[in-house]
């Protein structure tokens, strides 16, 4: 039977904690990968191609979950991660789109 790992309630989501979690380039990359592929996804599939070790990826997923950005469900040996889109949109409307939307290819990246 699947079980959900602990996460903060919708009412306790904190903008500073969320932005601090997204400040790390690896976590931002993970979140952008999930954002562009809506729905639940296997943690390993999302992290495929990111050049850090499994323990480091696990740490980043934990930080994202504890910040309230994701939900992690354990299904046997598999962990499925989803962005808490509904909760985040209710608390901070437009935040995910503003932070995670890919930059247009025809514009230079911001420094």
Protein backbone atom coordinates (compact mmCIF):
# COMPACT_ATOMS: atom_id res chain seq x y z
CA UNK A 1 0.00 0.00 0.00
CA UNK A 2 1.45 3.42 -0.97
CA UNK A 3 2.30 5.84 1.80
CA UNK A 4 2.94 9.55 1.65
CA UNK A 5 6.03 11.04 3.29
CA UNK A 6 5.48 13.93 5.75
CA UNK A 7 5.11 17.41 4.31
CA UNK A 8 3.94 20.80 5.59
CA UNK A 9 0.25 21.64 5.44
CA UNK A 10 -1.00 24.12 2.85
CA UNK A 11 -1.52 26.77 5.53
CA UNK A 12 2.05 26.46 6.82
CA UNK A 13 3.76 26.94 3.43
CA UNK A 14 6.30 29.73 3.77
CA UNK A 15 7.46 31.82 0.80
CA UNK A 16 10.99 32.35 2.14
CA UNK A 17 11.46 28.61 2.71
CA UNK A 18 10.16 27.84 -0.78
CA UNK A 19 12.41 30.38 -2.46
CA UNK A 20 15.42 29.17 -0.46
CA UNK A 21 14.75 25.62 -1.65
CA UNK A 22 14.52 26.82 -5.26
CA UNK A 23 17.77 28.82 -4.97
CA UNK A 24 19.85 25.67 -5.44
CA UNK A 25 20.54 24.97 -9.15
CA UNK A 26 19.99 21.20 -8.83
CA UNK A 27 16.65 21.64 -7.05
CA UNK A 28 15.58 24.25 -9.59
CA UNK A 29 16.48 21.82 -12.39
CA UNK A 30 14.46 19.04 -10.74
CA UNK A 31 11.46 21.33 -10.27
CA UNK A 32 11.61 22.59 -13.87
CA UNK A 33 11.76 19.00 -15.13
CA UNK A 34 8.66 18.10 -13.10
CA UNK A 35 6.89 21.35 -14.03
CA UNK A 36 7.23 20.68 -17.75
CA UNK A 37 5.93 17.10 -17.29
CA UNK A 38 2.74 17.51 -15.25
CA UNK A 39 1.61 14.60 -13.10
CA UNK A 40 3.36 12.09 -10.90
CA UNK A 41 6.79 10.89 -11.89
CA UNK A 42 9.34 8.43 -10.60
CA UNK A 43 12.13 10.24 -8.72
CA UNK A 44 14.80 8.41 -10.69
CA UNK A 45 13.22 9.32 -14.04
CA UNK A 46 13.10 13.02 -13.18
CA UNK A 47 16.73 13.02 -12.00
CA UNK A 48 18.01 11.13 -15.05
CA UNK A 49 20.77 13.16 -16.67
CA UNK A 50 21.57 15.27 -13.60
CA UNK A 51 25.23 14.70 -12.81
CA UNK A 52 25.09 14.17 -9.03
CA UNK A 53 25.03 11.00 -6.96
CA UNK A 54 21.90 9.24 -5.70
CA UNK A 55 22.39 10.34 -2.06
CA UNK A 56 22.65 13.96 -3.19
CA UNK A 57 19.52 13.66 -5.33
CA UNK A 58 17.69 12.14 -2.33
CA UNK A 59 18.78 15.11 -0.22
CA UNK A 60 17.47 17.57 -2.81
CA UNK A 61 14.11 15.76 -3.02
CA UNK A 62 13.84 15.87 0.78
CA UNK A 63 14.52 19.63 0.83
CA UNK A 64 11.85 20.19 -1.83
CA UNK A 65 9.33 18.08 0.10
CA UNK A 66 10.09 19.68 3.46
CA UNK A 67 9.76 23.15 1.89
CA UNK A 68 6.29 22.15 0.70
CA UNK A 69 7.00 22.16 -3.01
CA UNK A 70 6.48 18.45 -3.65
CA UNK A 71 4.65 15.40 -2.40
CA UNK A 72 6.51 12.09 -2.27
CA UNK A 73 4.64 8.79 -2.25
CA UNK A 74 6.42 5.53 -1.51
CA UNK A 75 5.21 2.56 -3.57
CA UNK A 76 7.34 -0.40 -2.55
CA UNK A 77 10.91 0.49 -3.55
CA UNK A 78 9.72 3.22 -5.89
CA UNK A 79 9.25 6.87 -4.89
CA UNK A 80 6.86 9.00 -6.88
CA UNK A 81 7.15 12.76 -6.69
CA UNK A 82 4.61 15.40 -7.71
CA UNK A 83 4.59 19.17 -7.49
CA UNK A 84 1.97 20.47 -5.07
CA UNK A 85 0.51 22.69 -7.80
CA UNK A 86 -2.92 23.18 -6.25
CA UNK A 87 -1.57 23.99 -2.78
CA UNK A 88 1.11 26.34 -4.10
CA UNK A 89 -1.27 28.13 -6.44
CA UNK A 90 -3.76 28.62 -3.60
CA UNK A 91 -1.08 30.07 -1.28
CA UNK A 92 1.08 31.93 -3.80
CA UNK A 93 -0.81 32.49 -7.08
CA UNK A 94 1.47 32.57 -10.12
CA UNK A 95 4.65 31.64 -8.24
CA UNK A 96 5.30 28.35 -10.03
CA UNK A 97 4.75 29.86 -13.48
CA UNK A 98 6.98 32.83 -12.67
CA UNK A 99 9.86 30.81 -11.27
CA UNK A 100 9.73 27.55 -13.24
CA UNK A 101 8.62 28.54 -16.72
CA UNK A 102 11.45 28.02 -19.19
CA UNK A 103 13.00 31.20 -20.52
CA UNK A 104 12.23 31.92 -24.19
CA UNK A 105 14.98 30.52 -26.42
CA UNK A 106 15.26 33.73 -28.43
CA UNK A 107 16.11 35.89 -25.41
CA UNK A 108 19.50 35.89 -23.70
CA UNK A 109 19.54 34.35 -20.23
CA UNK A 110 19.54 36.79 -17.34
CA UNK A 111 22.73 37.11 -15.36
